[in-house]
């Protein structure tokens, strides 16, 4: 059974940093792209970042470039999203995904507020 479990969300002040984690199980993790998406209040789901199975290539949304870093540890079956210089508009539920099979985690809430 495939599981994607996000953690690390919470309340952070503007300009602060936060690292999200997504622990995967039930598939051969290192063989697949992994992605992060988010859904802000009242908005649709938005792509944040993606990383190849090897971790050698990454892709970011324009809103994430320069502030967010996606990485993975295939020995731990975990993908990370380091988020720096947080802005209030980054407030959202963040989801990790294995897009090729349309697997999704339950999401973790991130709130940026002073």
Protein backbone atom coordinates (compact mmCIF):
# COMPACT_ATOMS: atom_id res chain seq x y z
CA UNK A 1 0.00 0.00 0.00
CA UNK A 2 1.38 3.37 -1.04
CA UNK A 3 1.68 6.02 1.64
CA UNK A 4 2.96 9.57 1.50
CA UNK A 5 3.11 11.26 4.89
CA UNK A 6 4.00 14.95 5.13
CA UNK A 7 5.29 16.61 8.26
CA UNK A 8 6.98 19.80 9.36
CA UNK A 9 4.21 22.32 8.81
CA UNK A 10 3.28 25.00 11.30
CA UNK A 11 3.27 28.71 11.97
CA UNK A 12 6.24 30.76 10.79
CA UNK A 13 6.81 34.50 10.76
CA UNK A 14 7.35 36.35 7.48
CA UNK A 15 10.95 35.97 6.41
CA UNK A 16 11.34 32.79 8.40
CA UNK A 17 12.25 29.28 7.29
CA UNK A 18 10.60 25.91 7.48
CA UNK A 19 11.46 22.46 6.18
CA UNK A 20 8.76 20.04 5.14
CA UNK A 21 9.34 16.30 4.89
CA UNK A 22 7.42 13.60 3.06
CA UNK A 23 8.05 9.99 3.97
CA UNK A 24 7.12 7.54 1.24
CA UNK A 25 6.42 3.82 1.33
CA UNK A 26 4.86 1.15 -0.83
CA UNK A 27 6.79 1.80 -4.03
CA UNK A 28 10.40 1.93 -5.25
CA UNK A 29 11.02 5.50 -4.21
CA UNK A 30 14.24 6.19 -6.08
CA UNK A 31 12.68 5.30 -9.43
CA UNK A 32 10.19 8.16 -9.47
CA UNK A 33 9.87 11.91 -9.73
CA UNK A 34 8.45 13.49 -6.61
CA UNK A 35 6.65 16.81 -6.43
CA UNK A 36 5.34 19.35 -3.96
CA UNK A 37 2.09 21.20 -4.54
CA UNK A 38 0.13 23.60 -2.40
CA UNK A 39 -3.43 24.85 -2.05
CA UNK A 40 -3.93 28.29 -0.58
CA UNK A 41 -7.26 29.26 1.01
CA UNK A 42 -9.87 29.80 -1.69
CA UNK A 43 -7.51 28.86 -4.51
CA UNK A 44 -6.76 25.86 -6.67
CA UNK A 45 -3.86 23.48 -6.34
CA UNK A 46 -0.54 25.02 -7.40
CA UNK A 47 2.70 23.34 -8.44
CA UNK A 48 5.65 24.22 -6.19
CA UNK A 49 8.64 22.04 -7.11
CA UNK A 50 9.68 18.71 -8.59
CA UNK A 51 12.75 16.48 -8.35
CA UNK A 52 13.88 13.53 -10.44
CA UNK A 53 14.35 10.06 -8.96
CA UNK A 54 18.11 10.49 -8.80
CA UNK A 55 17.78 13.94 -7.26
CA UNK A 56 20.04 15.43 -9.92
CA UNK A 57 17.42 17.59 -11.61
CA UNK A 58 14.88 19.92 -10.10
CA UNK A 59 12.16 22.22 -11.36
CA UNK A 60 10.44 25.09 -9.58
CA UNK A 61 7.44 27.32 -9.98
CA UNK A 62 8.33 30.96 -10.54
CA UNK A 63 6.93 31.77 -7.10
CA UNK A 64 9.31 29.25 -5.51
CA UNK A 65 12.55 29.96 -7.37
CA UNK A 66 15.31 31.33 -5.20
CA UNK A 67 13.39 30.75 -1.96
CA UNK A 68 12.50 27.06 -1.90
CA UNK A 69 14.75 24.03 -2.35
CA UNK A 70 13.51 20.52 -3.04
CA UNK A 71 15.75 17.59 -2.19
CA UNK A 72 15.50 13.90 -1.45
CA UNK A 73 17.22 11.15 0.47
CA UNK A 74 16.61 7.87 -1.30
CA UNK A 75 18.12 5.93 1.59
CA UNK A 76 15.31 7.26 3.78
CA UNK A 77 12.56 7.30 1.13
CA UNK A 78 11.99 10.93 1.97
CA UNK A 79 11.61 14.12 -0.04
CA UNK A 80 12.08 17.55 1.52
CA UNK A 81 11.04 21.11 0.81
CA UNK A 82 13.21 23.78 2.42
CA UNK A 83 11.32 27.05 2.40
CA UNK A 84 13.15 30.29 3.16
CA UNK A 85 12.10 33.94 3.11
CA UNK A 86 8.50 32.99 3.72
CA UNK A 87 5.76 35.38 2.67
CA UNK A 88 2.14 35.56 3.87
CA UNK A 89 1.03 34.40 0.42
CA UNK A 90 2.89 31.13 1.03
CA UNK A 91 0.17 30.20 3.53
CA UNK A 92 -1.34 26.97 2.23
CA UNK A 93 -1.72 23.26 2.71
CA UNK A 94 1.36 21.64 1.20
CA UNK A 95 1.08 18.22 -0.43
CA UNK A 96 3.70 15.84 -1.67
CA UNK A 97 2.96 13.72 -4.68
CA UNK A 98 4.30 10.94 -6.82
CA UNK A 99 2.80 12.35 -10.00
CA UNK A 100 3.27 9.41 -12.36
CA UNK A 101 0.85 7.29 -10.34
CA UNK A 102 -1.19 10.19 -8.95
CA UNK A 103 -0.32 9.38 -5.35
CA UNK A 104 -0.89 12.17 -2.82
CA UNK A 105 -0.23 12.73 0.84
CA UNK A 106 -2.76 14.14 3.26
CA UNK A 107 -1.08 17.54 3.35
CA UNK A 108 0.50 19.69 6.02
CA UNK A 109 -0.65 23.20 6.90
CA UNK A 110 1.84 26.05 6.68
CA UNK A 111 0.81 29.46 7.95
CA UNK A 112 2.97 32.55 7.48
CA UNK A 113 1.92 35.27 9.83
CA UNK A 114 3.32 37.71 12.35
